[in-house]
């Protein structure tokens, strides 16, 4: 996983590229996010929690390597996950992929151009 193994800026850029590629390939909703808010949530709650927790932890570590203080890195990682998941939902609901694209660019800039 590049976010764990690559230099922070490379890993973070790779993460955003993968999110963009997935969304723009027609997979307009995150399966895990869909499960998290759907009726099957209780059956998969541990797996969903582990998925998002791991993503947040790995992103926080990459941001720490960039020099962010611990609390700021954690807060930014949360903002990124919320922003990605929220923009997927909003873009899908409004049938406007550019909502997702614009938000991803803003989030990436916050992480990489610190």
N, C-alpha and C. Protein backbone atom coordinates (compact mmCIF):
# COMPACT_ATOMS: atom_id res chain seq x y z
N UNK A 1 0.85 -1.17 0.00
CA UNK A 1 0.00 0.00 0.00
C UNK A 1 0.90 1.24 0.00
N UNK A 2 0.89 2.01 -1.08
CA UNK A 2 1.79 3.18 -1.18
C UNK A 2 1.64 4.18 -0.04
N UNK A 3 0.44 4.31 0.49
CA UNK A 3 0.25 5.27 1.58
C UNK A 3 1.09 4.90 2.79
N UNK A 4 1.39 3.61 2.95
CA UNK A 4 2.22 3.15 4.05
C UNK A 4 3.69 3.08 3.69
N UNK A 5 4.01 2.77 2.45
CA UNK A 5 5.38 2.46 2.10
C UNK A 5 6.13 3.55 1.34
N UNK A 6 5.43 4.37 0.61
CA UNK A 6 6.08 5.41 -0.20
C UNK A 6 6.35 6.66 0.64
N UNK A 7 7.12 7.56 0.07
CA UNK A 7 7.28 8.87 0.70
C UNK A 7 5.90 9.48 0.88
N UNK A 8 5.68 10.28 1.93
CA UNK A 8 4.33 10.77 2.23
C UNK A 8 3.60 11.43 1.06
N UNK A 9 4.26 12.36 0.35
CA UNK A 9 3.57 13.04 -0.75
C UNK A 9 3.19 12.07 -1.86
N UNK A 10 4.05 11.10 -2.15
CA UNK A 10 3.77 10.11 -3.18
C UNK A 10 2.62 9.20 -2.74
N UNK A 11 2.67 8.73 -1.52
CA UNK A 11 1.62 7.87 -1.00
C UNK A 11 0.27 8.57 -0.95
N UNK A 12 0.28 9.82 -0.51
CA UNK A 12 -0.97 10.59 -0.43
C UNK A 12 -1.51 10.85 -1.83
N UNK A 13 -0.64 11.25 -2.76
CA UNK A 13 -1.08 11.49 -4.15
C UNK A 13 -1.65 10.20 -4.76
N UNK A 14 -1.02 9.07 -4.48
CA UNK A 14 -1.49 7.78 -4.98
C UNK A 14 -2.87 7.45 -4.41
N UNK A 15 -3.07 7.74 -3.13
CA UNK A 15 -4.37 7.50 -2.50
C UNK A 15 -5.46 8.31 -3.20
N UNK A 16 -5.19 9.60 -3.43
CA UNK A 16 -6.19 10.44 -4.09
C UNK A 16 -6.43 9.98 -5.53
N UNK A 17 -5.38 9.57 -6.23
CA UNK A 17 -5.53 9.09 -7.60
C UNK A 17 -6.38 7.83 -7.64
N UNK A 18 -6.16 6.93 -6.69
CA UNK A 18 -6.95 5.69 -6.64
C UNK A 18 -8.42 5.99 -6.35
N UNK A 19 -8.68 6.92 -5.45
CA UNK A 19 -10.07 7.30 -5.14
C UNK A 19 -10.74 7.89 -6.37
N UNK A 20 -10.03 8.77 -7.06
CA UNK A 20 -10.57 9.40 -8.26
C UNK A 20 -10.83 8.36 -9.35
N UNK A 21 -9.86 7.48 -9.57
CA UNK A 21 -10.00 6.45 -10.60
C UNK A 21 -11.21 5.56 -10.30
N UNK A 22 -11.36 5.17 -9.06
CA UNK A 22 -12.48 4.30 -8.67
C UNK A 22 -13.81 5.00 -8.93
N UNK A 23 -13.92 6.24 -8.47
CA UNK A 23 -15.18 6.97 -8.61
C UNK A 23 -15.50 7.22 -10.08
N UNK A 24 -14.52 7.69 -10.83
CA UNK A 24 -14.77 8.06 -12.22
C UNK A 24 -14.91 6.84 -13.14
N UNK A 25 -14.57 5.66 -12.64
CA UNK A 25 -14.73 4.44 -13.45
C UNK A 25 -16.18 3.97 -13.47
N UNK A 26 -17.03 4.67 -12.78
CA UNK A 26 -18.44 4.29 -12.76
C UNK A 26 -18.86 3.71 -11.42
N UNK A 27 -17.93 3.45 -10.55
CA UNK A 27 -18.24 2.92 -9.22
C UNK A 27 -18.54 4.11 -8.31
N UNK A 28 -19.66 4.74 -8.53
CA UNK A 28 -19.92 6.05 -7.94
C UNK A 28 -20.28 6.03 -6.45
N UNK A 29 -20.18 4.92 -5.84
CA UNK A 29 -20.38 4.89 -4.39
C UNK A 29 -19.37 3.93 -3.80
N UNK A 30 -18.89 4.27 -2.67
CA UNK A 30 -17.95 3.41 -1.96
C UNK A 30 -18.75 2.24 -1.39
N UNK A 31 -18.39 1.04 -1.75
CA UNK A 31 -19.11 -0.15 -1.27
C UNK A 31 -19.13 -0.18 0.24
N UNK A 32 -17.99 0.08 0.86
CA UNK A 32 -17.93 0.05 2.32
C UNK A 32 -18.81 1.15 2.90
N UNK A 33 -18.77 2.33 2.30
CA UNK A 33 -19.64 3.42 2.75
C UNK A 33 -21.10 3.07 2.59
N UNK A 34 -21.43 2.42 1.48
CA UNK A 34 -22.81 1.99 1.25
C UNK A 34 -23.27 0.99 2.29
N UNK A 35 -22.39 0.07 2.62
CA UNK A 35 -22.72 -0.90 3.66
C UNK A 35 -22.87 -0.22 5.02
N UNK A 36 -22.03 0.79 5.26
CA UNK A 36 -22.05 1.47 6.56
C UNK A 36 -23.37 2.17 6.82
N UNK A 37 -24.04 2.63 5.76
CA UNK A 37 -25.30 3.34 5.97
C UNK A 37 -26.52 2.51 5.57
N UNK A 38 -26.28 1.33 5.05
CA UNK A 38 -27.38 0.49 4.59
C UNK A 38 -27.91 -0.43 5.68
N UNK A 39 -28.87 -1.23 5.30
CA UNK A 39 -29.54 -2.13 6.23
C UNK A 39 -28.63 -3.27 6.71
N UNK A 40 -27.57 -3.55 5.97
CA UNK A 40 -26.69 -4.65 6.36
C UNK A 40 -25.57 -4.20 7.30
N UNK A 41 -25.62 -2.96 7.73
CA UNK A 41 -24.57 -2.38 8.57
C UNK A 41 -24.23 -3.26 9.77
N UNK A 42 -25.21 -3.75 10.45
CA UNK A 42 -24.95 -4.52 11.67
C UNK A 42 -24.18 -5.81 11.38
N UNK A 43 -24.43 -6.42 10.23
CA UNK A 43 -23.73 -7.66 9.89
C UNK A 43 -22.25 -7.43 9.60
N UNK A 44 -21.90 -6.24 9.16
CA UNK A 44 -20.53 -5.96 8.75
C UNK A 44 -19.89 -4.83 9.56
N UNK A 45 -20.44 -4.52 10.71
CA UNK A 45 -19.97 -3.35 11.45
C UNK A 45 -18.49 -3.43 11.82
N UNK A 46 -18.00 -4.59 12.20
CA UNK A 46 -16.59 -4.71 12.57
C UNK A 46 -15.69 -4.50 11.36
N UNK A 47 -16.05 -5.08 10.24
CA UNK A 47 -15.23 -4.94 9.04
C UNK A 47 -15.23 -3.49 8.54
N UNK A 48 -16.38 -2.85 8.59
CA UNK A 48 -16.49 -1.46 8.15
C UNK A 48 -15.68 -0.56 9.06
N UNK A 49 -15.83 -0.78 10.35
CA UNK A 49 -15.07 0.00 11.32
C UNK A 49 -13.57 -0.18 11.11
N UNK A 50 -13.14 -1.41 10.89
CA UNK A 50 -11.72 -1.69 10.69
C UNK A 50 -11.21 -1.02 9.41
N UNK A 51 -12.00 -1.05 8.36
CA UNK A 51 -11.62 -0.44 7.07
C UNK A 51 -11.34 1.05 7.24
N UNK A 52 -12.31 1.77 7.83
CA UNK A 52 -12.14 3.21 7.97
C UNK A 52 -11.09 3.55 9.03
N UNK A 53 -11.02 2.78 10.07
CA UNK A 53 -10.02 3.01 11.11
C UNK A 53 -8.61 2.84 10.55
N UNK A 54 -8.41 1.81 9.77
CA UNK A 54 -7.09 1.58 9.17
C UNK A 54 -6.73 2.70 8.21
N UNK A 55 -7.66 3.09 7.38
CA UNK A 55 -7.42 4.17 6.43
C UNK A 55 -7.04 5.45 7.16
N UNK A 56 -7.80 5.78 8.19
CA UNK A 56 -7.51 6.98 8.98
C UNK A 56 -6.14 6.89 9.65
N UNK A 57 -5.81 5.75 10.21
CA UNK A 57 -4.53 5.56 10.89
C UNK A 57 -3.36 5.71 9.92
N UNK A 58 -3.47 5.05 8.77
CA UNK A 58 -2.38 5.09 7.79
C UNK A 58 -2.22 6.51 7.23
N UNK A 59 -3.31 7.19 6.95
CA UNK A 59 -3.22 8.57 6.46
C UNK A 59 -2.65 9.49 7.53
N UNK A 60 -3.07 9.31 8.76
CA UNK A 60 -2.52 10.11 9.86
C UNK A 60 -1.01 9.92 9.95
N UNK A 61 -0.55 8.69 9.85
CA UNK A 61 0.90 8.42 9.91
C UNK A 61 1.64 9.10 8.76
N UNK A 62 1.08 9.06 7.56
CA UNK A 62 1.71 9.72 6.41
C UNK A 62 1.79 11.23 6.64
N UNK A 63 0.73 11.80 7.18
CA UNK A 63 0.73 13.24 7.47
C UNK A 63 1.73 13.59 8.57
N UNK A 64 1.87 12.71 9.54
CA UNK A 64 2.87 12.91 10.61
C UNK A 64 4.28 12.91 10.01
N UNK A 65 4.53 12.01 9.05
CA UNK A 65 5.84 11.96 8.39
C UNK A 65 6.13 13.26 7.65
N UNK A 66 5.07 13.93 7.19
CA UNK A 66 5.23 15.21 6.51
C UNK A 66 5.53 16.34 7.50
N UNK A 67 5.35 16.06 8.79
CA UNK A 67 5.66 17.07 9.80
C UNK A 67 4.47 17.66 10.52
N UNK A 68 3.29 17.19 10.21
CA UNK A 68 2.11 17.68 10.94
C UNK A 68 2.18 17.22 12.38
N UNK A 69 1.82 18.08 13.33
CA UNK A 69 1.68 17.64 14.72
C UNK A 69 0.59 16.56 14.81
N UNK A 70 0.66 15.72 15.82
CA UNK A 70 -0.24 14.56 15.95
C UNK A 70 -1.72 14.93 15.85
N UNK A 71 -2.15 15.91 16.63
CA UNK A 71 -3.57 16.26 16.62
C UNK A 71 -4.00 16.82 15.28
N UNK A 72 -3.16 17.63 14.68
CA UNK A 72 -3.48 18.22 13.37
C UNK A 72 -3.52 17.14 12.29
N UNK A 73 -2.59 16.20 12.33
CA UNK A 73 -2.57 15.11 11.36
C UNK A 73 -3.84 14.27 11.48
N UNK A 74 -4.23 13.95 12.69
CA UNK A 74 -5.43 13.16 12.91
C UNK A 74 -6.68 13.91 12.44
N UNK A 75 -6.75 15.19 12.75
CA UNK A 75 -7.89 16.00 12.35
C UNK A 75 -7.98 16.10 10.82
N UNK A 76 -6.84 16.32 10.17
CA UNK A 76 -6.83 16.41 8.71
C UNK A 76 -7.21 15.06 8.08
N UNK A 77 -6.73 13.97 8.64
CA UNK A 77 -7.09 12.65 8.13
C UNK A 77 -8.61 12.44 8.23
N UNK A 78 -9.18 12.83 9.35
CA UNK A 78 -10.64 12.74 9.49
C UNK A 78 -11.34 13.59 8.44
N UNK A 79 -10.87 14.83 8.27
CA UNK A 79 -11.47 15.73 7.27
C UNK A 79 -11.41 15.11 5.88
N UNK A 80 -10.29 14.48 5.56
CA UNK A 80 -10.13 13.87 4.24
C UNK A 80 -11.12 12.73 4.05
N UNK A 81 -11.22 11.84 5.01
CA UNK A 81 -12.17 10.73 4.88
C UNK A 81 -13.60 11.22 4.81
N UNK A 82 -13.94 12.18 5.64
CA UNK A 82 -15.29 12.76 5.60
C UNK A 82 -15.53 13.43 4.26
N UNK A 83 -14.54 14.17 3.80
CA UNK A 83 -14.67 14.87 2.52
C UNK A 83 -14.82 13.92 1.34
N UNK A 84 -14.03 12.86 1.32
CA UNK A 84 -14.13 11.90 0.23
C UNK A 84 -15.48 11.21 0.25
N UNK A 85 -15.85 10.68 1.40
CA UNK A 85 -17.12 9.95 1.48
C UNK A 85 -18.31 10.88 1.25
N UNK A 86 -18.27 12.06 1.82
CA UNK A 86 -19.37 13.01 1.64
C UNK A 86 -19.52 13.48 0.20
N UNK A 87 -18.39 13.70 -0.46
CA UNK A 87 -18.48 14.16 -1.85
C UNK A 87 -18.94 13.04 -2.78
N UNK A 88 -18.64 11.80 -2.43
CA UNK A 88 -19.18 10.67 -3.21
C UNK A 88 -20.70 10.68 -3.12
N UNK A 89 -21.22 10.81 -1.92
CA UNK A 89 -22.67 10.79 -1.71
C UNK A 89 -23.32 11.97 -2.41
N UNK A 90 -22.77 13.18 -2.24
CA UNK A 90 -23.37 14.37 -2.83
C UNK A 90 -23.29 14.33 -4.35
N UNK A 91 -22.15 13.95 -4.89
CA UNK A 91 -22.01 13.87 -6.36
C UNK A 91 -23.00 12.87 -6.94
N UNK A 92 -23.16 11.77 -6.26
CA UNK A 92 -24.10 10.75 -6.74
C UNK A 92 -25.54 11.26 -6.64
N UNK A 93 -25.87 11.89 -5.51
CA UNK A 93 -27.24 12.37 -5.30
C UNK A 93 -27.61 13.46 -6.31
N UNK A 94 -26.64 14.31 -6.65
CA UNK A 94 -26.92 15.42 -7.57
C UNK A 94 -26.52 15.11 -9.02
N UNK A 95 -26.05 13.90 -9.25
CA UNK A 95 -25.64 13.48 -10.61
C UNK A 95 -24.62 14.45 -11.21
N UNK A 96 -23.63 14.81 -10.39
CA UNK A 96 -22.61 15.76 -10.82
C UNK A 96 -21.24 15.29 -10.34
N UNK A 97 -20.53 14.57 -11.20
CA UNK A 97 -19.21 14.03 -10.84
C UNK A 97 -18.21 15.12 -10.48
N UNK A 98 -18.41 16.32 -11.00
CA UNK A 98 -17.45 17.39 -10.74
C UNK A 98 -17.43 17.81 -9.27
N UNK A 99 -18.48 17.57 -8.55
CA UNK A 99 -18.48 17.83 -7.10
C UNK A 99 -17.37 17.00 -6.46
N UNK A 100 -17.32 15.74 -6.82
CA UNK A 100 -16.30 14.85 -6.28
C UNK A 100 -14.91 15.27 -6.74
N UNK A 101 -14.76 15.54 -8.02
CA UNK A 101 -13.46 15.92 -8.58
C UNK A 101 -12.94 17.19 -7.91
N UNK A 102 -13.77 18.21 -7.79
CA UNK A 102 -13.34 19.47 -7.16
C UNK A 102 -12.93 19.26 -5.71
N UNK A 103 -13.74 18.51 -4.98
CA UNK A 103 -13.44 18.30 -3.57
C UNK A 103 -12.16 17.50 -3.38
N UNK A 104 -11.96 16.50 -4.21
CA UNK A 104 -10.74 15.71 -4.12
C UNK A 104 -9.50 16.58 -4.34
N UNK A 105 -9.56 17.49 -5.30
CA UNK A 105 -8.44 18.40 -5.56
C UNK A 105 -8.15 19.27 -4.34
N UNK A 106 -9.19 19.79 -3.71
CA UNK A 106 -9.02 20.63 -2.51
C UNK A 106 -8.39 19.84 -1.37
N UNK A 107 -8.89 18.63 -1.16
CA UNK A 107 -8.37 17.80 -0.07
C UNK A 107 -6.91 17.42 -0.32
N UNK A 108 -6.60 17.07 -1.55
CA UNK A 108 -5.23 16.71 -1.91
C UNK A 108 -4.30 17.90 -1.66
N UNK A 109 -4.71 19.07 -2.07
CA UNK A 109 -3.90 20.27 -1.88
C UNK A 109 -3.65 20.53 -0.40
N UNK A 110 -4.65 20.31 0.42
CA UNK A 110 -4.47 20.50 1.87
C UNK A 110 -3.43 19.55 2.43
N UNK A 111 -3.38 18.35 1.90
CA UNK A 111 -2.47 17.33 2.42
C UNK A 111 -1.05 17.48 1.88
N UNK A 112 -0.93 17.76 0.62
CA UNK A 112 0.37 17.74 -0.02
C UNK A 112 1.07 19.09 0.01
N UNK A 113 0.36 20.14 -0.15
CA UNK A 113 0.96 21.47 -0.22
C UNK A 113 0.91 22.18 1.12
N UNK A 114 1.38 21.49 2.13
CA UNK A 114 1.34 22.07 3.48
C UNK A 114 2.54 22.94 3.74
